[in-house]
Amino acid sequence: GNPPKMIKHVRELAEQLFKNENPNPHIAF
């Protein structure tokens, strides 16, 4: 029932997904 909290959780999950796929973002090929 709380969209702002839901959006915050979605953003946290998105950040975790990004970190899982890019463990070393400074290394670019």
PDB file of all heavy atoms in Angstrom:
ATOM      1  N   GLY A   1       0.802  -1.219   0.000  1.00  0.00           N
ATOM      2  CA  GLY A   1       0.000   0.000   0.000  1.00  0.00           C
ATOM      3  C   GLY A   1       0.833   1.267   0.000  1.00  0.00           C
ATOM      4  O   GLY A   1       0.292   2.364   0.119  1.00  0.00           O
ATOM      5  N   ASN A   2       2.148   1.141  -0.128  1.00  0.00           N
ATOM      6  CA  ASN A   2       3.024   2.297  -0.034  1.00  0.00           C
ATOM      7  C   ASN A   2       3.951   2.367  -1.251  1.00  0.00           C
ATOM      8  O   ASN A   2       5.055   1.826  -1.226  1.00  0.00           O
ATOM      9  CB  ASN A   2       3.840   2.197   1.259  1.00  0.00           C
ATOM     10  CG  ASN A   2       4.534   3.488   1.599  1.00  0.00           C
ATOM     11  OD1 ASN A   2       4.742   4.341   0.740  1.00  0.00           O
ATOM     12  ND2 ASN A   2       4.903   3.624   2.864  1.00  0.00           N
ATOM     13  N   PRO A   3       3.509   3.051  -2.323  1.00  0.00           N
ATOM     14  CA  PRO A   3       4.311   3.108  -3.552  1.00  0.00           C
ATOM     15  C   PRO A   3       5.737   3.658  -3.376  1.00  0.00           C
ATOM     16  O   PRO A   3       6.664   3.124  -3.978  1.00  0.00           O
ATOM     17  CB  PRO A   3       3.488   3.990  -4.488  1.00  0.00           C
ATOM     18  CG  PRO A   3       2.094   3.844  -4.008  1.00  0.00           C
ATOM     19  CD  PRO A   3       2.197   3.668  -2.519  1.00  0.00           C
ATOM     20  N   PRO A   4       5.975   4.704  -2.561  1.00  0.00           N
ATOM     21  CA  PRO A   4       7.363   5.179  -2.415  1.00  0.00           C
ATOM     22  C   PRO A   4       8.307   4.108  -1.855  1.00  0.00           C
ATOM     23  O   PRO A   4       9.440   3.971  -2.300  1.00  0.00           O
ATOM     24  CB  PRO A   4       7.249   6.373  -1.458  1.00  0.00           C
ATOM     25  CG  PRO A   4       5.856   6.853  -1.631  1.00  0.00           C
ATOM     26  CD  PRO A   4       5.040   5.617  -1.893  1.00  0.00           C
ATOM     27  N   LYS A   5       7.822   3.320  -0.877  1.00  0.00           N
ATOM     28  CA  LYS A   5       8.651   2.248  -0.321  1.00  0.00           C
ATOM     29  C   LYS A   5       8.887   1.155  -1.361  1.00  0.00           C
ATOM     30  O   LYS A   5       9.966   0.589  -1.446  1.00  0.00           O
ATOM     31  CB  LYS A   5       7.988   1.636   0.916  1.00  0.00           C
ATOM     32  CG  LYS A   5       8.158   2.448   2.162  1.00  0.00           C
ATOM     33  CD  LYS A   5       7.643   1.700   3.364  1.00  0.00           C
ATOM     34  CE  LYS A   5       7.869   2.484   4.635  1.00  0.00           C
ATOM     35  NZ  LYS A   5       7.392   1.759   5.818  1.00  0.00           N
ATOM     36  N   MET A   6       7.854   0.879  -2.149  1.00  0.00           N
ATOM     37  CA  MET A   6       7.976  -0.136  -3.191  1.00  0.00           C
ATOM     38  C   MET A   6       9.011   0.294  -4.234  1.00  0.00           C
ATOM     39  O   MET A   6       9.858  -0.498  -4.646  1.00  0.00           O
ATOM     40  CB  MET A   6       6.612  -0.371  -3.858  1.00  0.00           C
ATOM     41  CG  MET A   6       6.565  -1.565  -4.770  1.00  0.00           C
ATOM     42  SD  MET A   6       4.964  -1.791  -5.570  1.00  0.00           S
ATOM     43  CE  MET A   6       3.835  -1.828  -4.210  1.00  0.00           C
ATOM     44  N   ILE A   7       8.965   1.557  -4.635  1.00  0.00           N
ATOM     45  CA  ILE A   7       9.913   2.079  -5.623  1.00  0.00           C
ATOM     46  C   ILE A   7      11.340   2.038  -5.052  1.00  0.00           C
ATOM     47  O   ILE A   7      12.286   1.688  -5.755  1.00  0.00           O
ATOM     48  CB  ILE A   7       9.511   3.504  -6.055  1.00  0.00           C
ATOM     49  CG1 ILE A   7       8.233   3.432  -6.893  1.00  0.00           C
ATOM     50  CG2 ILE A   7      10.627   4.187  -6.830  1.00  0.00           C
ATOM     51  CD1 ILE A   7       7.603   4.773  -7.185  1.00  0.00           C
ATOM     52  N   LYS A   8      11.476   2.363  -3.773  1.00  0.00           N
ATOM     53  CA  LYS A   8      12.791   2.309  -3.137  1.00  0.00           C
ATOM     54  C   LYS A   8      13.331   0.875  -3.169  1.00  0.00           C
ATOM     55  O   LYS A   8      14.502   0.654  -3.478  1.00  0.00           O
ATOM     56  CB  LYS A   8      12.699   2.817  -1.696  1.00  0.00           C
ATOM     57  CG  LYS A   8      14.023   2.823  -0.974  1.00  0.00           C
ATOM     58  CD  LYS A   8      13.878   3.282   0.454  1.00  0.00           C
ATOM     59  CE  LYS A   8      15.238   3.187   1.134  1.00  0.00           C
ATOM     60  NZ  LYS A   8      15.116   3.060   2.569  1.00  0.00           N
ATOM     61  N   HIS A   9      12.480  -0.089  -2.856  1.00  0.00           N
ATOM     62  CA  HIS A   9      12.907  -1.493  -2.881  1.00  0.00           C
ATOM     63  C   HIS A   9      13.271  -1.935  -4.295  1.00  0.00           C
ATOM     64  O   HIS A   9      14.261  -2.642  -4.506  1.00  0.00           O
ATOM     65  CB  HIS A   9      11.805  -2.388  -2.305  1.00  0.00           C
ATOM     66  CG  HIS A   9      12.232  -3.802  -2.125  1.00  0.00           C
ATOM     67  ND1 HIS A   9      11.427  -4.861  -2.458  1.00  0.00           N
ATOM     68  CD2 HIS A   9      13.384  -4.347  -1.659  1.00  0.00           C
ATOM     69  CE1 HIS A   9      12.054  -5.984  -2.208  1.00  0.00           C
ATOM     70  NE2 HIS A   9      13.247  -5.703  -1.717  1.00  0.00           N
ATOM     71  N   VAL A  10      12.500  -1.511  -5.284  1.00  0.00           N
ATOM     72  CA  VAL A  10      12.803  -1.848  -6.688  1.00  0.00           C
ATOM     73  C   VAL A  10      14.165  -1.280  -7.080  1.00  0.00           C
ATOM     74  O   VAL A  10      14.967  -1.957  -7.735  1.00  0.00           O
ATOM     75  CB  VAL A  10      11.688  -1.333  -7.630  1.00  0.00           C
ATOM     76  CG1 VAL A  10      12.141  -1.339  -9.076  1.00  0.00           C
ATOM     77  CG2 VAL A  10      10.432  -2.160  -7.463  1.00  0.00           C
ATOM     78  N   ARG A  11      14.448  -0.057  -6.648  1.00  0.00           N
ATOM     79  CA  ARG A  11      15.751   0.553  -6.969  1.00  0.00           C
ATOM     80  C   ARG A  11      16.895  -0.189  -6.278  1.00  0.00           C
ATOM     81  O   ARG A  11      17.969  -0.353  -6.848  1.00  0.00           O
ATOM     82  CB  ARG A  11      15.746   2.030  -6.615  1.00  0.00           C
ATOM     83  CG  ARG A  11      14.874   2.801  -7.586  1.00  0.00           C
ATOM     84  CD  ARG A  11      15.089   4.286  -7.517  1.00  0.00           C
ATOM     85  NE  ARG A  11      14.330   4.920  -8.588  1.00  0.00           N
ATOM     86  CZ  ARG A  11      13.558   5.969  -8.417  1.00  0.00           C
ATOM     87  NH1 ARG A  11      13.449   6.545  -7.231  1.00  0.00           N
ATOM     88  NH2 ARG A  11      12.890   6.477  -9.440  1.00  0.00           N
ATOM     89  N   GLU A  12      16.665  -0.646  -5.047  1.00  0.00           N
ATOM     90  CA  GLU A  12      17.688  -1.440  -4.345  1.00  0.00           C
ATOM     91  C   GLU A  12      17.952  -2.751  -5.082  1.00  0.00           C
ATOM     92  O   GLU A  12      19.102  -3.162  -5.251  1.00  0.00           O
ATOM     93  CB  GLU A  12      17.251  -1.739  -2.911  1.00  0.00           C
ATOM     94  CG  GLU A  12      17.261  -0.549  -1.992  1.00  0.00           C
ATOM     95  CD  GLU A  12      16.606  -0.850  -0.648  1.00  0.00           C
ATOM     96  OE1 GLU A  12      16.272  -2.028  -0.366  1.00  0.00           O
ATOM     97  OE2 GLU A  12      16.422   0.100   0.130  1.00  0.00           O
ATOM     98  N   LEU A  13      16.876  -3.399  -5.516  1.00  0.00           N
ATOM     99  CA  LEU A  13      17.024  -4.650  -6.279  1.00  0.00           C
ATOM    100  C   LEU A  13      17.756  -4.400  -7.594  1.00  0.00           C
ATOM    101  O   LEU A  13      18.617  -5.198  -7.996  1.00  0.00           O
ATOM    102  CB  LEU A  13      15.658  -5.279  -6.553  1.00  0.00           C
ATOM    103  CG  LEU A  13      14.914  -5.870  -5.359  1.00  0.00           C
ATOM    104  CD1 LEU A  13      13.512  -6.289  -5.774  1.00  0.00           C
ATOM    105  CD2 LEU A  13      15.675  -7.034  -4.778  1.00  0.00           C
ATOM    106  N   ALA A  14      17.417  -3.301  -8.263  1.00  0.00           N
ATOM    107  CA  ALA A  14      18.073  -2.969  -9.530  1.00  0.00           C
ATOM    108  C   ALA A  14      19.568  -2.747  -9.313  1.00  0.00           C
ATOM    109  O   ALA A  14      20.396  -3.184 -10.118  1.00  0.00           O
ATOM    110  CB  ALA A  14      17.437  -1.729 -10.146  1.00  0.00           C
ATOM    111  N   GLU A  15      19.910  -2.101  -8.212  1.00  0.00           N
ATOM    112  CA  GLU A  15      21.327  -1.881  -7.907  1.00  0.00           C
ATOM    113  C   GLU A  15      22.043  -3.204  -7.643  1.00  0.00           C
ATOM    114  O   GLU A  15      23.165  -3.413  -8.100  1.00  0.00           O
ATOM    115  CB  GLU A  15      21.441  -0.960  -6.683  1.00  0.00           C
ATOM    116  CG  GLU A  15      22.848  -0.518  -6.404  1.00  0.00           C
ATOM    117  CD  GLU A  15      22.907   0.481  -5.252  1.00  0.00           C
ATOM    118  OE1 GLU A  15      22.036   1.354  -5.180  1.00  0.00           O
ATOM    119  OE2 GLU A  15      23.828   0.360  -4.441  1.00  0.00           O
ATOM    120  N   GLN A  16      21.371  -4.125  -6.941  1.00  0.00           N
ATOM    121  CA  GLN A  16      21.969  -5.439  -6.705  1.00  0.00           C
ATOM    122  C   GLN A  16      22.139  -6.209  -8.013  1.00  0.00           C
ATOM    123  O   GLN A  16      23.159  -6.870  -8.215  1.00  0.00           O
ATOM    124  CB  GLN A  16      21.116  -6.252  -5.740  1.00  0.00           C
ATOM    125  CG  GLN A  16      21.220  -5.777  -4.310  1.00  0.00           C
ATOM    126  CD  GLN A  16      20.321  -6.566  -3.389  1.00  0.00           C
ATOM    127  OE1 GLN A  16      19.194  -6.920  -3.745  1.00  0.00           O
ATOM    128  NE2 GLN A  16      20.810  -6.845  -2.204  1.00  0.00           N
ATOM    129  N   LEU A  17      21.155  -6.121  -8.899  1.00  0.00           N
ATOM    130  CA  LEU A  17      21.278  -6.779 -10.205  1.00  0.00           C
ATOM    131  C   LEU A  17      22.452  -6.203 -10.984  1.00  0.00           C
ATOM    132  O   LEU A  17      23.216  -6.937 -11.614  1.00  0.00           O
ATOM    133  CB  LEU A  17      19.982  -6.610 -11.009  1.00  0.00           C
ATOM    134  CG  LEU A  17      18.779  -7.416 -10.541  1.00  0.00           C
ATOM    135  CD1 LEU A  17      17.520  -6.953 -11.277  1.00  0.00           C
ATOM    136  CD2 LEU A  17      19.007  -8.890 -10.751  1.00  0.00           C
ATOM    137  N   PHE A  18      22.597  -4.884 -10.943  1.00  0.00           N
ATOM    138  CA  PHE A  18      23.701  -4.234 -11.650  1.00  0.00           C
ATOM    139  C   PHE A  18      25.045  -4.687 -11.080  1.00  0.00           C
ATOM    140  O   PHE A  18      25.967  -5.008 -11.823  1.00  0.00           O
ATOM    141  CB  PHE A  18      23.567  -2.718 -11.563  1.00  0.00           C
ATOM    142  CG  PHE A  18      24.668  -1.990 -12.288  1.00  0.00           C
ATOM    143  CD1 PHE A  18      24.655  -1.903 -13.669  1.00  0.00           C
ATOM    144  CD2 PHE A  18      25.717  -1.420 -11.592  1.00  0.00           C
ATOM    145  CE1 PHE A  18      25.672  -1.247 -14.356  1.00  0.00           C
ATOM    146  CE2 PHE A  18      26.735  -0.759 -12.256  1.00  0.00           C
ATOM    147  CZ  PHE A  18      26.715  -0.674 -13.645  1.00  0.00           C
ATOM    148  N   LYS A  19      25.150  -4.740  -9.757  1.00  0.00           N
ATOM    149  CA  LYS A  19      26.405  -5.166  -9.121  1.00  0.00           C
ATOM    150  C   LYS A  19      26.707  -6.632  -9.428  1.00  0.00           C
ATOM    151  O   LYS A  19      27.873  -6.999  -9.575  1.00  0.00           O
ATOM    152  CB  LYS A  19      26.342  -4.949  -7.608  1.00  0.00           C
ATOM    153  CG  LYS A  19      26.491  -3.506  -7.213  1.00  0.00           C
ATOM    154  CD  LYS A  19      26.406  -3.341  -5.715  1.00  0.00           C
ATOM    155  CE  LYS A  19      26.493  -1.888  -5.322  1.00  0.00           C
ATOM    156  NZ  LYS A  19      26.303  -1.698  -3.877  1.00  0.00           N
ATOM    157  N   ASN A  20      25.680  -7.466  -9.514  1.00  0.00           N
ATOM    158  CA  ASN A  20      25.895  -8.881  -9.839  1.00  0.00           C
ATOM    159  C   ASN A  20      26.453  -9.044 -11.246  1.00  0.00           C
ATOM    160  O   ASN A  20      27.263  -9.929 -11.497  1.00  0.00           O
ATOM    161  CB  ASN A  20      24.598  -9.676  -9.714  1.00  0.00           C
ATOM    162  CG  ASN A  20      24.226  -9.942  -8.278  1.00  0.00           C
ATOM    163  OD1 ASN A  20      25.034  -9.783  -7.377  1.00  0.00           O
ATOM    164  ND2 ASN A  20      22.992 -10.343  -8.068  1.00  0.00           N
ATOM    165  N   GLU A  21      26.000  -8.208 -12.166  1.00  0.00           N
ATOM    166  CA  GLU A  21      26.432  -8.330 -13.556  1.00  0.00           C
ATOM    167  C   GLU A  21      27.714  -7.566 -13.837  1.00  0.00           C
ATOM    168  O   GLU A  21      28.415  -7.868 -14.798  1.00  0.00           O
ATOM    169  CB  GLU A  21      25.329  -7.841 -14.494  1.00  0.00           C
ATOM    170  CG  GLU A  21      24.124  -8.739 -14.487  1.00  0.00           C
ATOM    171  CD  GLU A  21      23.011  -8.231 -15.362  1.00  0.00           C
ATOM    172  OE1 GLU A  21      23.229  -7.275 -16.115  1.00  0.00           O
ATOM    173  OE2 GLU A  21      21.911  -8.793 -15.273  1.00  0.00           O
ATOM    174  N   ASN A  22      28.027  -6.563 -13.035  1.00  0.00           N
ATOM    175  CA  ASN A  22      29.227  -5.740 -13.246  1.00  0.00           C
ATOM    176  C   ASN A  22      30.013  -5.643 -11.938  1.00  0.00           C
ATOM    177  O   ASN A  22      30.011  -4.607 -11.286  1.00  0.00           O
ATOM    178  CB  ASN A  22      28.835  -4.335 -13.712  1.00  0.00           C
ATOM    179  CG  ASN A  22      28.016  -4.363 -14.960  1.00  0.00           C
ATOM    180  OD1 ASN A  22      28.416  -4.944 -15.954  1.00  0.00           O
ATOM    181  ND2 ASN A  22      26.850  -3.751 -14.911  1.00  0.00           N
ATOM    182  N   PRO A  23      30.692  -6.738 -11.534  1.00  0.00           N
ATOM    183  CA  PRO A  23      31.413  -6.680 -10.258  1.00  0.00           C
ATOM    184  C   PRO A  23      32.563  -5.674 -10.266  1.00  0.00           C
ATOM    185  O   PRO A  23      32.911  -5.125  -9.245  1.00  0.00           O
ATOM    186  CB  PRO A  23      31.927  -8.104 -10.068  1.00  0.00           C
ATOM    187  CG  PRO A  23      31.899  -8.725 -11.413  1.00  0.00           C
ATOM    188  CD  PRO A  23      30.833  -8.022 -12.191  1.00  0.00           C
ATOM    189  N   ASN A  24      33.161  -5.406 -11.428  1.00  0.00           N
ATOM    190  CA  ASN A  24      34.233  -4.419 -11.559  1.00  0.00           C
ATOM    191  C   ASN A  24      33.848  -3.412 -12.634  1.00  0.00           C
ATOM    192  O   ASN A  24      34.294  -3.507 -13.771  1.00  0.00           O
ATOM    193  CB  ASN A  24      35.558  -5.097 -11.936  1.00  0.00           C
ATOM    194  CG  ASN A  24      36.075  -5.975 -10.830  1.00  0.00           C
ATOM    195  OD1 ASN A  24      35.895  -5.672  -9.660  1.00  0.00           O
ATOM    196  ND2 ASN A  24      36.723  -7.061 -11.194  1.00  0.00           N
ATOM    197  N   PRO A  25      33.016  -2.418 -12.304  1.00  0.00           N
ATOM    198  CA  PRO A  25      32.544  -1.484 -13.331  1.00  0.00           C
ATOM    199  C   PRO A  25      33.646  -0.610 -13.921  1.00  0.00           C
ATOM    200  O   PRO A  25      33.490  -0.099 -15.018  1.00  0.00           O
ATOM    201  CB  PRO A  25      31.513  -0.636 -12.602  1.00  0.00           C
ATOM    202  CG  PRO A  25      31.844  -0.772 -11.170  1.00  0.00           C
ATOM    203  CD  PRO A  25      32.494  -2.116 -10.996  1.00  0.00           C
ATOM    204  N   HIS A  26      34.786  -0.464 -13.212  1.00  0.00           N
ATOM    205  CA  HIS A  26      35.854   0.387 -13.740  1.00  0.00           C
ATOM    206  C   HIS A  26      36.638  -0.293 -14.857  1.00  0.00           C
ATOM    207  O   HIS A  26      37.356   0.357 -15.589  1.00  0.00           O
ATOM    208  CB  HIS A  26      36.799   0.817 -12.611  1.00  0.00           C
ATOM    209  CG  HIS A  26      37.482  -0.332 -11.936  1.00  0.00           C
ATOM    210  ND1 HIS A  26      36.877  -1.063 -10.947  1.00  0.00           N
ATOM    211  CD2 HIS A  26      38.690  -0.884 -12.132  1.00  0.00           C
ATOM    212  CE1 HIS A  26      37.695  -2.012 -10.545  1.00  0.00           C
ATOM    213  NE2 HIS A  26      38.806  -1.936 -11.246  1.00  0.00           N
ATOM    214  N   ILE A  27      36.503  -1.613 -14.979  1.00  0.00           N
ATOM    215  CA  ILE A  27      37.192  -2.329 -16.050  1.00  0.00           C
ATOM    216  C   ILE A  27      36.263  -2.410 -17.249  1.00  0.00           C
ATOM    217  O   ILE A  27      35.192  -2.991 -17.183  1.00  0.00           O
ATOM    218  CB  ILE A  27      37.591  -3.749 -15.606  1.00  0.00           C
ATOM    219  CG1 ILE A  27      38.562  -3.673 -14.429  1.00  0.00           C
ATOM    220  CG2 ILE A  27      38.218  -4.513 -16.765  1.00  0.00           C
ATOM    221  CD1 ILE A  27      38.889  -5.029 -13.839  1.00  0.00           C
ATOM    222  N   ALA A  28      36.667  -1.807 -18.343  1.00  0.00           N
ATOM    223  CA  ALA A  28      35.845  -1.826 -19.555  1.00  0.00           C
ATOM    224  C   ALA A  28      36.671  -2.421 -20.689  1.00  0.00           C
ATOM    225  O   ALA A  28      37.856  -2.140 -20.821  1.00  0.00           O
ATOM    226  CB  ALA A  28      35.396  -0.419 -19.915  1.00  0.00           C
ATOM    227  N   PHE A  29      36.030  -3.258 -21.464  1.00  0.00           N
ATOM    228  CA  PHE A  29      36.712  -3.870 -22.589  1.00  0.00           C
ATOM    229  C   PHE A  29      36.227  -3.215 -23.875  1.00  0.00           C
ATOM    230  O   PHE A  29      35.037  -3.124 -24.120  1.00  0.00           O
ATOM    231  CB  PHE A  29      36.421  -5.371 -22.645  1.00  0.00           C
ATOM    232  CG  PHE A  29      36.943  -6.094 -21.443  1.00  0.00           C
ATOM    233  CD1 PHE A  29      36.089  -6.448 -20.402  1.00  0.00           C
ATOM    234  CD2 PHE A  29      38.282  -6.409 -21.338  1.00  0.00           C
ATOM    235  CE1 PHE A  29      36.571  -7.110 -19.293  1.00  0.00           C
ATOM    236  CE2 PHE A  29      38.766  -7.068 -20.230  1.00  0.00           C
ATOM    237  CZ  PHE A  29      37.919  -7.413 -19.205  1.00  0.00           C
TER     238      PHE A  29
END
